[in-house]
């Protein structure tokens, strides 16, 4: 295995640095990841940093392009029956044993950050190529003007039956796809993940995996291979979140926007 491409090691220093960073992660968090068939469960959307929630977000219909629940038998449009502004985000009742994948795509939004703030953000997210582009083009001391889009997934396990829903490709521009089922793994197992952009493997991306268990946090970081794959050691029970940011020069943006970023997050549980 190429150690230059695989860095999946703890980085507690980064976690300490990120405490004071802008809270800019979104993730889907169900009431439980291991659920009973036929029972209703709340699904919530959180804003925070490294699985540390700072606020719960309501459903925003004007900011949501799609919100679906996938299983082997059907795809349910959760947005169609939702009320704008509702909290929790949704309530789902899983009808049959198996894996269920919740997927949300949010509409693009824009943000402008001061030069130092933008540089810190790029450093934290491992976006070294963007930092280099800014330096080479003389933009290092200018504000960061960005358009961003979020793609969120969460995997639930109903009963004991497992299937291939965990690796469902839902058509997000930036997509995280586990290549082995997290719910078939025991604590200490290796999770293999592929990240892809516009349907193609995304190489050289900084991918993070966060865990929250009994109030304690841990984190890993890996760099995707040429095939867009990374490995993470699921060494603790609790909640897991795999996520990344991909950024490039903005294509087709307004004149006052220079960069476009794509955020993806995939949450699941571990016993």
Protein backbone atom coordinates (compact mmCIF):
# COMPACT_ATOMS: atom_id res chain seq x y z
CA UNK A 1 0.00 0.00 0.00
CA UNK A 2 1.34 3.46 -0.89
CA UNK A 3 2.04 5.22 2.41
CA UNK A 4 2.30 8.57 0.65
CA UNK A 5 -1.35 8.26 -0.37
CA UNK A 6 -2.63 6.66 2.83
CA UNK A 7 -2.21 8.77 5.94
CA UNK A 8 -5.03 7.42 8.10
CA UNK A 9 -3.52 8.40 11.43
CA UNK A 10 -4.88 10.42 14.38
CA UNK A 11 -4.33 14.17 14.17
CA UNK A 12 -5.30 15.54 17.58
CA UNK A 13 -3.40 18.75 16.88
CA UNK A 14 -5.76 19.49 14.00
CA UNK A 15 -8.75 18.89 16.23
CA UNK A 16 -7.40 21.37 18.76
CA UNK A 17 -6.86 23.93 16.05
CA UNK A 18 -10.32 23.41 14.62
CA UNK A 19 -12.10 24.24 17.89
CA UNK A 20 -11.79 27.92 17.07
CA UNK A 21 -12.44 27.49 13.34
CA UNK A 22 -15.64 28.49 11.64
CA UNK A 23 -18.40 25.95 12.27
CA UNK A 24 -19.12 24.93 8.72
CA UNK A 25 -19.87 21.19 8.73
CA UNK A 26 -23.37 19.88 8.12
CA UNK A 27 -24.26 16.26 8.78
CA UNK A 28 -27.38 14.11 9.05
CA UNK A 29 -27.79 12.38 12.40
CA UNK A 30 -30.71 10.00 13.01
CA UNK A 31 -32.11 9.31 16.45
CA UNK A 32 -30.49 5.87 16.17
CA UNK A 33 -28.47 4.09 13.51
CA UNK A 34 -29.62 0.61 14.54
CA UNK A 35 -33.40 0.70 14.43
CA UNK A 36 -36.46 -1.50 14.78
CA UNK A 37 -38.71 -2.18 11.81
CA UNK A 38 -42.00 -0.31 11.99
CA UNK A 39 -40.90 2.22 14.64
CA UNK A 40 -40.72 5.97 13.84
CA UNK A 41 -37.32 7.65 14.27
CA UNK A 42 -36.36 11.31 14.09
CA UNK A 43 -33.73 12.43 11.60
CA UNK A 44 -31.85 15.64 12.43
CA UNK A 45 -29.51 18.00 10.62
CA UNK A 46 -26.64 19.52 12.60
CA UNK A 47 -24.19 22.33 12.05
CA UNK A 48 -20.85 22.17 13.81
CA UNK A 49 -17.28 21.05 13.59
CA UNK A 50 -15.83 17.53 13.72
CA UNK A 51 -19.10 16.00 15.01
CA UNK A 52 -19.33 18.69 17.69
CA UNK A 53 -22.77 20.18 17.17
CA UNK A 54 -23.31 23.89 17.66
CA UNK A 55 -26.89 24.06 16.41
CA UNK A 56 -29.64 21.98 14.89
CA UNK A 57 -30.90 23.15 11.50
CA UNK A 58 -34.51 23.00 10.30
CA UNK A 59 -35.59 21.79 6.89
CA UNK A 60 -35.13 24.64 4.40
CA UNK A 61 -37.06 23.79 1.27
CA UNK A 62 -35.63 26.66 -0.76
CA UNK A 63 -32.10 25.47 0.12
CA UNK A 64 -32.79 21.77 -0.54
CA UNK A 65 -32.56 20.33 -4.03
CA UNK A 66 -33.35 16.74 -3.04
CA UNK A 67 -34.00 14.73 0.12
CA UNK A 68 -34.55 10.99 -0.35
CA UNK A 69 -34.63 7.68 1.47
CA UNK A 70 -33.20 4.72 -0.47
CA UNK A 71 -33.71 1.01 0.15
CA UNK A 72 -33.49 -2.09 -2.02
CA UNK A 73 -37.23 -1.94 -2.71
CA UNK A 74 -37.96 1.75 -3.26
CA UNK A 75 -36.91 5.38 -3.16
CA UNK A 76 -38.97 7.73 -1.01
CA UNK A 77 -39.05 11.48 -1.64
CA UNK A 78 -38.82 12.92 1.87
CA UNK A 79 -38.97 16.49 0.59
CA UNK A 80 -42.42 16.09 -0.96
CA UNK A 81 -44.23 15.56 2.34
CA UNK A 82 -42.01 17.79 4.51
CA UNK A 83 -43.00 21.16 5.92
CA UNK A 84 -40.67 24.09 5.43
CA UNK A 85 -38.90 24.97 8.67
CA UNK A 86 -39.74 21.73 10.43
CA UNK A 87 -37.48 20.32 13.15
CA UNK A 88 -36.47 17.54 13.22
CA UNK A 89 -35.57 17.35 9.57
CA UNK A 90 -37.80 14.29 9.06
CA UNK A 91 -39.30 11.30 10.78
CA UNK A 92 -38.85 7.94 9.07
CA UNK A 93 -40.44 4.54 9.65
CA UNK A 94 -38.52 1.70 8.03
CA UNK A 95 -40.89 -0.94 6.73
CA UNK A 96 -38.58 -3.91 6.18
CA UNK A 97 -35.28 -5.22 7.53
CA UNK A 98 -32.22 -4.00 5.65
CA UNK A 99 -30.02 -1.01 5.03
CA UNK A 100 -31.52 2.43 4.36
CA UNK A 101 -29.65 5.40 2.96
CA UNK A 102 -30.80 8.97 3.58
CA UNK A 103 -29.40 11.42 1.02
CA UNK A 104 -29.72 15.20 0.79
CA UNK A 105 -28.42 17.69 -1.74
CA UNK A 106 -28.53 21.37 -0.80
CA UNK A 107 -28.60 24.25 -3.25
CA UNK A 108 -25.49 26.34 -3.78
CA UNK A 109 -24.77 29.35 -1.58
CA UNK A 110 -21.97 31.91 -1.52
CA UNK A 111 -19.64 33.25 1.15
CA UNK A 112 -16.76 35.72 1.39
CA UNK A 113 -13.98 35.35 3.95
CA UNK A 114 -11.03 37.57 4.81
CA UNK A 115 -7.63 36.50 3.48
CA UNK A 116 -6.38 35.08 6.80
CA UNK A 117 -9.66 33.35 7.56
CA UNK A 118 -9.79 31.81 4.07
CA UNK A 119 -6.17 30.65 4.34
CA UNK A 120 -6.86 28.99 7.69
CA UNK A 121 -9.89 27.24 6.22
CA UNK A 122 -7.87 25.91 3.25
CA UNK A 123 -5.17 24.69 5.61
CA UNK A 124 -7.65 22.93 7.87
CA UNK A 125 -9.36 21.17 4.97
CA UNK A 126 -6.11 20.04 3.36
CA UNK A 127 -6.75 22.13 0.23
CA UNK A 128 -3.05 22.71 -0.42
CA UNK A 129 -3.41 22.97 -4.20
CA UNK A 130 -5.80 25.92 -3.78
CA UNK A 131 -3.39 27.63 -1.38
CA UNK A 132 -0.65 27.20 -3.97
CA UNK A 133 -2.84 28.56 -6.77
CA UNK A 134 -3.63 31.62 -4.67
CA UNK A 135 0.05 32.24 -3.98
CA UNK A 136 1.07 31.78 -7.62
CA UNK A 137 -1.66 34.14 -8.85
CA UNK A 138 -0.94 36.81 -6.23
CA UNK A 139 -4.24 36.25 -4.44
CA UNK A 140 -2.73 35.20 -1.11
CA UNK A 141 -3.62 38.52 0.55
CA UNK A 142 -7.09 38.83 -0.98
CA UNK A 143 -10.41 37.67 0.45
CA UNK A 144 -11.76 34.25 -0.46
CA UNK A 145 -14.93 34.47 -2.54
CA UNK A 146 -16.61 31.10 -2.77
CA UNK A 147 -19.71 29.26 -3.96
CA UNK A 148 -20.37 26.02 -2.08
CA UNK A 149 -22.75 23.05 -2.31
CA UNK A 150 -23.36 20.29 0.23
CA UNK A 151 -24.10 16.60 -0.30
CA UNK A 152 -25.10 14.58 2.78
CA UNK A 153 -25.71 10.88 3.39
CA UNK A 154 -26.55 8.75 6.42
CA UNK A 155 -26.84 4.95 6.64
CA UNK A 156 -29.30 3.14 8.91
CA UNK A 157 -29.57 -0.55 9.80
CA UNK A 158 -33.08 -1.94 10.34
CA UNK A 159 -33.20 -5.34 11.96
CA UNK A 160 -30.41 -7.79 11.13
CA UNK A 161 -30.66 -8.08 7.35
CA UNK A 162 -27.90 -6.32 5.37
CA UNK A 163 -27.78 -5.48 1.68
CA UNK A 164 -25.96 -3.29 -0.84
CA UNK A 165 -27.83 -0.03 -0.19
CA UNK A 166 -24.75 1.26 1.68
CA UNK A 167 -22.89 1.74 -1.64
CA UNK A 168 -25.80 3.22 -3.58
CA UNK A 169 -24.66 5.89 -6.04
CA UNK A 170 -27.29 8.62 -5.83
CA UNK A 171 -25.87 11.08 -8.39
CA UNK A 172 -24.33 13.72 -6.15
CA UNK A 173 -21.56 15.67 -7.86
CA UNK A 174 -19.23 14.90 -4.96
CA UNK A 175 -20.06 11.49 -3.55
CA UNK A 176 -18.71 9.26 -0.79
CA UNK A 177 -19.25 5.55 -1.51
CA UNK A 178 -18.25 2.89 1.02
CA UNK A 179 -16.93 -0.22 -0.75
CA UNK A 180 -17.63 -2.53 2.18
CA UNK A 181 -20.67 -2.39 4.42
CA UNK A 182 -19.94 -0.62 7.75
CA UNK A 183 -22.66 -2.74 9.36
CA UNK A 184 -20.83 -5.95 8.48
CA UNK A 185 -17.70 -4.75 10.25
CA UNK A 186 -16.76 -5.23 13.87
CA UNK A 187 -14.91 -2.65 15.92
CA UNK A 188 -11.34 -2.55 14.64
CA UNK A 189 -12.33 -3.38 11.06
CA UNK A 190 -11.11 -1.47 8.01
CA UNK A 191 -13.58 0.60 6.00
CA UNK A 192 -12.70 1.18 2.35
CA UNK A 193 -14.27 4.26 0.77
CA UNK A 194 -14.23 5.69 -2.75
CA UNK A 195 -14.72 9.39 -3.36
CA UNK A 196 -15.77 10.59 -6.78
CA UNK A 197 -16.51 13.91 -8.46
CA UNK A 198 -18.81 14.11 -11.48
CA UNK A 199 -18.82 10.32 -11.55
CA UNK A 200 -15.03 9.96 -11.73
CA UNK A 201 -12.56 8.91 -8.99
CA UNK A 202 -11.16 11.90 -7.12
CA UNK A 203 -7.43 11.46 -6.47
CA UNK A 204 -5.32 13.39 -3.98
CA UNK A 205 -8.27 14.52 -1.86
CA UNK A 206 -7.99 14.99 1.92
CA UNK A 207 -10.67 12.79 3.46
CA UNK A 208 -11.47 12.88 7.18
CA UNK A 209 -13.18 10.39 9.47
CA UNK A 210 -14.49 11.57 12.85
CA UNK A 211 -15.81 9.46 15.69
CA UNK A 212 -17.85 10.42 18.74
CA UNK A 213 -18.24 7.89 21.55
CA UNK A 214 -19.16 8.46 25.20
CA UNK A 215 -18.38 12.15 24.87
CA UNK A 216 -14.87 11.55 23.51
CA UNK A 217 -13.78 12.50 19.99
CA UNK A 218 -11.21 11.00 17.65
CA UNK A 219 -10.20 11.71 14.07
CA UNK A 220 -8.32 10.24 11.15
CA UNK A 221 -7.15 11.69 7.85
CA UNK A 222 -6.32 9.95 4.58
CA UNK A 223 -5.36 11.06 1.05
CA UNK A 224 -7.28 9.40 -1.75
CA UNK A 225 -5.37 7.20 -4.19
CA UNK A 226 -5.48 7.43 -7.97
CA UNK A 227 -8.59 5.25 -7.81
CA UNK A 228 -10.20 7.70 -5.36
CA UNK A 229 -10.00 5.25 -2.46
CA UNK A 230 -9.05 5.61 1.20
CA UNK A 231 -9.09 3.29 4.21
CA UNK A 232 -10.13 4.07 7.77
CA UNK A 233 -9.74 1.97 10.89
CA UNK A 234 -13.09 1.79 12.67
CA UNK A 235 -11.38 1.40 16.01
CA UNK A 236 -14.17 2.71 18.23
CA UNK A 237 -17.92 2.22 18.56
CA UNK A 238 -20.27 5.20 18.40
CA UNK A 239 -21.06 7.60 15.59
CA UNK A 240 -18.80 7.96 12.56
CA UNK A 241 -18.68 10.73 9.98
CA UNK A 242 -16.59 10.50 6.79
CA UNK A 243 -16.34 13.83 4.99
CA UNK A 244 -14.32 15.95 2.58
CA UNK A 245 -14.25 19.22 0.67
CA UNK A 246 -13.27 19.50 -2.99
CA UNK A 247 -12.53 22.96 -4.41
CA UNK A 248 -11.64 24.37 -7.82
CA UNK A 249 -11.72 27.62 -9.77
CA UNK A 250 -15.35 28.59 -10.19
CA UNK A 251 -16.82 27.73 -13.56
CA UNK A 252 -19.75 29.84 -14.71
CA UNK A 253 -19.87 31.91 -11.52
CA UNK A 254 -20.70 35.56 -11.05
CA UNK A 255 -17.81 38.01 -11.43
CA UNK A 256 -17.42 38.41 -7.66
CA UNK A 257 -16.94 34.65 -7.00
CA UNK A 258 -13.55 33.02 -7.60
CA UNK A 259 -13.85 29.49 -6.18
CA UNK A 260 -16.44 26.76 -5.95
CA UNK A 261 -16.40 24.04 -3.32
CA UNK A 262 -18.28 20.79 -2.93
CA UNK A 263 -18.83 19.27 0.52
CA UNK A 264 -19.75 15.63 1.13
CA UNK A 265 -20.51 13.82 4.40
CA UNK A 266 -21.50 10.22 5.17
CA UNK A 267 -22.59 9.23 8.70
CA UNK A 268 -23.17 5.80 10.20
CA UNK A 269 -23.02 3.99 13.54
CA UNK A 270 -20.68 1.37 14.99
CA UNK A 271 -21.35 -1.07 17.81
